[in-house]
Amino acid sequence: MQALAGLAFMVPAAGWGDGFLEWQQWRDYDAPGPATAAEPVSRSVRGLQVGDRQGLRFVWDYQPLRIRSGQPAHNGHLHRVALETRQERGAWQLYARAGIHATSNVLKHQDAHSDVWVGRLGLWRDLTASGGWAFGVRGDHRFGRFQWVPALRGGFATDGGQLGLDLPRMVQWRSPRGRWSFRAARLGDKWGALDDQRRLESTVRLEEWRLTLTRRFNALYRGLGMELGAGMSLDTRVRYREESGRLIRQTLGDQPFLLVRLHW
């Protein structure tokens, strides 16, 4: 984490604009696993995002999801490295992301297979001349396998703050000064996996609904700010294969988490 904190000072100087470092920690999931003597499942996230002034953003995170029950055909060290962009052309808005999602043994042995390569895509068109609402389509893994779903984006401004909608993915509220925010979001992704003996290529899929409340503290030191938050992951589900090839579908349940984010 000390090395990552150093990046917070180095990256803006390299020509990248806004960005953040984050750390999240969940309470252990105690749902029973496929083995008789199930052990709790631990989970955390360390992440980095930085963006330039042309709309390009670099995304990296590392998520240990330690499933110690049974014989999973992965080691639980989940990595994502991706580039994403957001572009506007008149009434049209485009979001695209492409990257590598893999367990650490895939990266260690440089033995990538097709499930390692992951992309997301969204396309919207403004419904009104003011650009307040847009309708489109989005494709990603939030609801399991890759699928296209209709998408509606917009928002409302009131004396109590700003309400933003990105349906069916997310609803977010921000206080009038932006210090407080609350988000209800659907998250889901996949990672290409490889067992220790490098015999079985498979995927790890993780899906959840996440509620997050954060408080933002701006300009703490040389333009750096901080967000502190807490939330709850609901209906968390994981799907993976064991070394025998058996497909495991496991509902981990609901657990709270803490969040710390350093932004610039």
Protein backbone atom coordinates (compact mmCIF):
# COMPACT_ATOMS: atom_id res chain seq x y z
CA MET A 1 0.00 0.00 0.00
CA GLN A 2 2.93 2.37 0.55
CA ALA A 3 3.99 1.84 -3.07
CA LEU A 4 0.45 2.52 -4.27
CA ALA A 5 0.27 5.68 -2.17
CA GLY A 6 3.40 6.88 -3.91
CA LEU A 7 1.58 6.57 -7.23
CA ALA A 8 -0.94 9.13 -6.03
CA PHE A 9 1.85 11.73 -6.19
CA MET A 10 3.53 10.44 -9.36
CA VAL A 11 0.60 9.82 -11.71
CA PRO A 12 -0.80 13.39 -11.94
CA ALA A 13 2.69 14.69 -12.70
CA ALA A 14 2.91 12.23 -15.61
CA GLY A 15 0.06 13.98 -17.44
CA TRP A 16 -2.94 12.07 -16.08
CA GLY A 17 -5.76 14.09 -14.55
CA ASP A 18 -8.23 12.82 -11.98
CA GLY A 19 -7.93 9.46 -10.28
CA PHE A 20 -8.08 7.55 -7.03
CA LEU A 21 -6.61 4.73 -4.97
CA GLU A 22 -9.00 2.60 -2.99
CA TRP A 23 -9.11 -0.14 -0.38
CA GLN A 24 -12.17 -2.18 0.60
CA GLN A 25 -12.52 -4.89 3.21
CA TRP A 26 -15.49 -7.18 3.79
CA ARG A 27 -16.40 -9.13 6.88
CA ASP A 28 -15.83 -12.82 6.17
CA TYR A 29 -18.63 -14.64 4.40
CA ASP A 30 -19.66 -17.61 6.51
CA ALA A 31 -21.94 -19.35 3.99
CA PRO A 32 -21.23 -23.10 3.73
CA GLY A 33 -19.06 -24.22 0.85
CA PRO A 34 -19.03 -27.40 -1.22
CA ALA A 35 -16.83 -29.27 1.25
CA THR A 36 -18.03 -30.87 4.48
CA ALA A 37 -15.71 -28.78 6.66
CA ALA A 38 -16.45 -25.36 5.13
CA GLU A 39 -14.31 -22.37 6.13
CA PRO A 40 -15.23 -18.66 5.90
CA VAL A 41 -14.61 -16.88 2.59
CA SER A 42 -12.47 -13.72 2.96
CA ARG A 43 -12.58 -10.81 0.52
CA SER A 44 -10.88 -7.45 -0.03
CA VAL A 45 -10.02 -5.07 -2.89
CA ARG A 46 -7.08 -2.78 -3.67
CA GLY A 47 -7.60 -0.59 -6.73
CA LEU A 48 -6.27 2.29 -8.83
CA GLN A 49 -7.98 4.41 -11.50
CA VAL A 50 -6.45 7.34 -13.37
CA GLY A 51 -7.82 9.34 -16.29
CA ASP A 52 -6.34 11.72 -18.84
CA ARG A 53 -7.93 14.83 -20.32
CA GLN A 54 -8.95 13.07 -23.55
CA GLY A 55 -11.39 10.73 -21.80
CA LEU A 56 -9.10 7.69 -21.51
CA ARG A 57 -8.93 5.93 -18.14
CA PHE A 58 -6.61 3.22 -16.79
CA VAL A 59 -8.17 0.76 -14.33
CA TRP A 60 -6.41 -1.78 -12.11
CA ASP A 61 -7.57 -3.73 -9.10
CA TYR A 62 -6.60 -6.81 -7.15
CA GLN A 63 -9.26 -8.75 -5.28
CA PRO A 64 -8.35 -11.70 -3.06
CA LEU A 65 -11.44 -13.90 -2.82
CA ARG A 66 -10.19 -16.76 -0.66
CA ILE A 67 -12.38 -19.86 -0.95
CA ARG A 68 -10.72 -22.49 1.23
CA SER A 69 -13.43 -25.17 1.05
CA GLY A 70 -13.31 -27.96 -1.51
CA GLN A 71 -10.75 -27.92 -4.33
CA PRO A 72 -11.36 -24.79 -6.45
CA ALA A 73 -9.50 -24.73 -9.78
CA HIS A 74 -8.22 -21.22 -9.03
CA ASN A 75 -6.18 -19.61 -6.27
CA GLY A 76 -8.61 -16.76 -5.50
CA HIS A 77 -6.21 -13.93 -6.46
CA LEU A 78 -8.30 -11.96 -8.98
CA HIS A 79 -6.65 -9.23 -11.08
CA ARG A 80 -8.16 -6.73 -13.54
CA VAL A 81 -6.20 -4.41 -15.85
CA ALA A 82 -8.17 -2.39 -18.40
CA LEU A 83 -8.46 0.78 -20.44
CA GLU A 84 -11.80 2.54 -20.78
CA THR A 85 -13.03 5.60 -22.62
CA ARG A 86 -16.11 7.83 -22.62
CA GLN A 87 -16.83 9.88 -25.72
CA GLU A 88 -19.60 12.27 -26.77
CA ARG A 89 -20.46 13.09 -30.40
CA GLY A 90 -23.47 15.37 -30.63
CA ALA A 91 -26.46 13.52 -29.20
CA TRP A 92 -24.53 10.23 -28.95
CA GLN A 93 -22.52 8.95 -25.97
CA LEU A 94 -20.16 5.97 -26.07
CA TYR A 95 -18.55 3.96 -23.28
CA ALA A 96 -16.03 1.21 -24.07
CA ARG A 97 -13.70 -0.85 -21.90
CA ALA A 98 -11.30 -3.67 -22.76
CA GLY A 99 -8.80 -5.47 -20.59
CA ILE A 100 -7.36 -8.57 -18.98
CA HIS A 101 -9.18 -10.23 -16.07
CA ALA A 102 -7.24 -13.20 -14.71
CA THR A 103 -6.18 -15.09 -11.62
CA SER A 104 -2.55 -14.63 -10.60
CA ASN A 105 -1.44 -18.07 -11.80
CA VAL A 106 -2.59 -17.18 -15.34
CA LEU A 107 -0.42 -14.06 -15.22
CA LYS A 108 2.48 -15.87 -13.54
CA HIS A 109 2.68 -18.61 -16.20
CA GLN A 110 1.63 -16.25 -19.04
CA ASP A 111 -0.87 -18.92 -20.06
CA ALA A 112 -3.83 -16.83 -21.19
CA HIS A 113 -7.00 -18.34 -22.64
CA SER A 114 -10.05 -16.75 -24.23
CA ASP A 115 -11.90 -16.04 -20.95
CA VAL A 116 -9.06 -13.77 -19.81
CA TRP A 117 -10.06 -11.09 -22.34
CA VAL A 118 -13.05 -9.06 -21.14
CA GLY A 119 -14.88 -6.08 -22.61
CA ARG A 120 -17.80 -3.76 -21.86
CA LEU A 121 -19.69 -1.50 -24.22
CA GLY A 122 -22.45 1.08 -23.89
CA LEU A 123 -24.10 3.38 -26.43
CA TRP A 124 -26.71 6.06 -25.64
CA ARG A 125 -28.58 8.79 -27.49
CA ASP A 126 -29.99 11.93 -25.86
CA LEU A 127 -33.78 11.95 -25.65
CA THR A 128 -34.06 15.73 -25.30
CA ALA A 129 -32.17 18.70 -26.69
CA SER A 130 -30.95 19.58 -23.19
CA GLY A 131 -29.19 16.22 -22.90
CA GLY A 132 -30.71 15.49 -19.49
CA TRP A 133 -31.88 11.97 -20.38
CA ALA A 134 -30.42 9.36 -22.70
CA PHE A 135 -31.59 5.92 -23.83
CA GLY A 136 -29.33 3.17 -25.13
CA VAL A 137 -27.94 -0.31 -24.71
CA ARG A 138 -25.18 -1.76 -22.52
CA GLY A 139 -23.28 -5.04 -22.76
CA ASP A 140 -21.29 -6.56 -19.87
CA HIS A 141 -21.18 -9.39 -17.30
CA ARG A 142 -23.14 -7.72 -14.48
CA PHE A 143 -25.98 -10.22 -14.68
CA GLY A 144 -23.91 -13.38 -15.19
CA ARG A 145 -22.92 -14.22 -18.74
CA PHE A 146 -22.24 -11.39 -21.19
CA GLN A 147 -25.54 -9.91 -22.33
CA TRP A 148 -27.04 -6.77 -23.81
CA VAL A 149 -29.64 -4.89 -21.76
CA PRO A 150 -31.55 -1.63 -22.40
CA ALA A 151 -30.17 1.34 -20.48
CA LEU A 152 -31.65 4.66 -19.35
CA ARG A 153 -29.57 7.51 -17.94
CA GLY A 154 -30.62 10.80 -16.39
CA GLY A 155 -31.16 12.61 -13.12
CA PHE A 156 -33.00 15.13 -10.96
CA ALA A 157 -31.69 18.13 -9.04
CA THR A 158 -33.55 19.17 -5.87
CA ASP A 159 -32.84 21.20 -2.75
CA GLY A 160 -31.91 17.91 -1.09
CA GLY A 161 -29.19 17.07 -3.62
CA GLN A 162 -28.72 15.36 -6.97
CA LEU A 163 -30.32 12.03 -7.87
CA GLY A 164 -28.65 10.20 -10.75
CA LEU A 165 -30.04 7.15 -12.56
CA ASP A 166 -28.19 4.68 -14.77
CA LEU A 167 -30.77 1.91 -15.06
CA PRO A 168 -30.72 -1.04 -14.58
CA ARG A 169 -27.17 -0.70 -13.24
CA MET A 170 -27.13 2.06 -10.65
CA VAL A 171 -29.00 4.72 -8.64
CA GLN A 172 -26.97 7.40 -6.85
CA TRP A 173 -27.70 10.37 -4.61
CA ARG A 174 -25.26 13.21 -3.84
CA SER A 175 -25.73 15.92 -1.22
CA PRO A 176 -25.90 19.56 -2.41
CA ARG A 177 -22.16 20.13 -1.80
CA GLY A 178 -21.12 16.64 -2.88
CA ARG A 179 -19.77 15.66 0.51
CA TRP A 180 -22.15 12.76 1.04
CA SER A 181 -23.21 10.17 -1.49
CA PHE A 182 -25.26 7.00 -1.49
CA ARG A 183 -25.15 4.43 -4.28
CA ALA A 184 -27.11 1.28 -5.01
CA ALA A 185 -25.40 -0.61 -7.83
CA ARG A 186 -25.36 -3.94 -9.60
CA LEU A 187 -21.85 -5.34 -10.01
CA GLY A 188 -20.69 -8.46 -11.80
CA ASP A 189 -17.62 -9.67 -13.66
CA LYS A 190 -15.60 -12.69 -14.71
CA TRP A 191 -11.93 -13.71 -14.52
CA GLY A 192 -10.05 -16.32 -16.52
CA ALA A 193 -8.66 -19.00 -14.18
CA LEU A 194 -6.06 -21.76 -14.24
CA ASP A 195 -5.56 -24.51 -11.65
CA ASP A 196 -2.19 -25.08 -9.95
CA GLN A 197 -1.31 -27.97 -12.25
CA ARG A 198 -2.20 -25.88 -15.34
CA ARG A 199 -4.56 -28.57 -16.65
CA LEU A 200 -7.98 -26.92 -16.34
CA GLU A 201 -8.89 -23.58 -17.91
CA SER A 202 -12.05 -22.06 -16.46
CA THR A 203 -13.68 -18.86 -15.24
CA VAL A 204 -14.56 -17.30 -11.89
CA ARG A 205 -17.75 -15.23 -11.88
CA LEU A 206 -18.78 -12.87 -9.08
CA GLU A 207 -22.13 -11.04 -8.88
CA GLU A 208 -23.74 -8.83 -6.22
CA TRP A 209 -25.88 -5.83 -5.39
CA ARG A 210 -23.90 -3.25 -3.44
CA LEU A 211 -25.12 -0.39 -1.22
CA THR A 212 -22.48 2.23 -0.36
CA LEU A 213 -22.59 5.41 1.75
CA THR A 214 -19.50 7.68 1.56
CA ARG A 215 -18.30 10.96 3.02
CA ARG A 216 -15.83 12.99 0.96
CA PHE A 217 -13.09 15.24 2.41
CA ASN A 218 -11.58 17.53 -0.22
CA ALA A 219 -8.15 19.17 -0.48
CA LEU A 220 -6.53 17.53 2.50
CA TYR A 221 -2.96 17.89 1.18
CA ARG A 222 -1.68 19.31 -2.14
CA GLY A 223 -4.92 18.66 -3.93
CA LEU A 224 -5.42 15.19 -2.46
CA GLY A 225 -8.75 14.29 -0.90
CA MET A 226 -10.23 11.29 0.83
CA GLU A 227 -13.48 9.34 0.87
CA LEU A 228 -14.51 7.17 3.78
CA GLY A 229 -17.41 4.81 3.36
CA ALA A 230 -19.31 1.78 4.52
CA GLY A 231 -21.81 -0.44 2.84
CA MET A 232 -23.39 -3.81 2.33
CA SER A 233 -22.98 -6.42 -0.39
CA LEU A 234 -26.28 -8.20 -0.99
CA ASP A 235 -27.01 -11.55 -2.63
CA THR A 236 -23.32 -12.13 -3.37
CA ARG A 237 -22.88 -15.11 -5.69
CA VAL A 238 -19.79 -16.84 -7.01
CA ARG A 239 -19.47 -19.48 -9.72
CA TYR A 240 -16.31 -21.48 -10.50
CA ARG A 241 -15.06 -24.98 -11.27
CA GLU A 242 -13.30 -27.39 -8.96
CA GLU A 243 -10.22 -29.33 -10.03
CA SER A 244 -12.49 -32.29 -10.83
CA GLY A 245 -14.29 -30.11 -13.38
CA ARG A 246 -17.46 -29.87 -11.30
CA LEU A 247 -19.22 -26.51 -11.61
CA ILE A 248 -19.88 -24.84 -8.24
CA ARG A 249 -22.61 -22.23 -7.84
CA GLN A 250 -22.44 -20.72 -4.38
CA THR A 251 -24.47 -17.97 -2.71
CA LEU A 252 -22.20 -16.25 -0.20
CA GLY A 253 -25.00 -14.11 1.22
CA ASP A 254 -24.87 -10.55 2.60
CA GLN A 255 -21.95 -8.91 4.38
CA PRO A 256 -20.88 -5.33 5.29
CA PHE A 257 -17.67 -3.69 4.14
CA LEU A 258 -15.54 -0.60 4.75
CA LEU A 259 -14.05 1.65 2.06
CA VAL A 260 -11.15 4.14 2.01
CA ARG A 261 -10.42 6.09 -1.17
CA LEU A 262 -7.62 8.60 -1.78
CA HIS A 263 -8.44 10.85 -4.76
CA TRP A 264 -6.90 13.74 -6.68
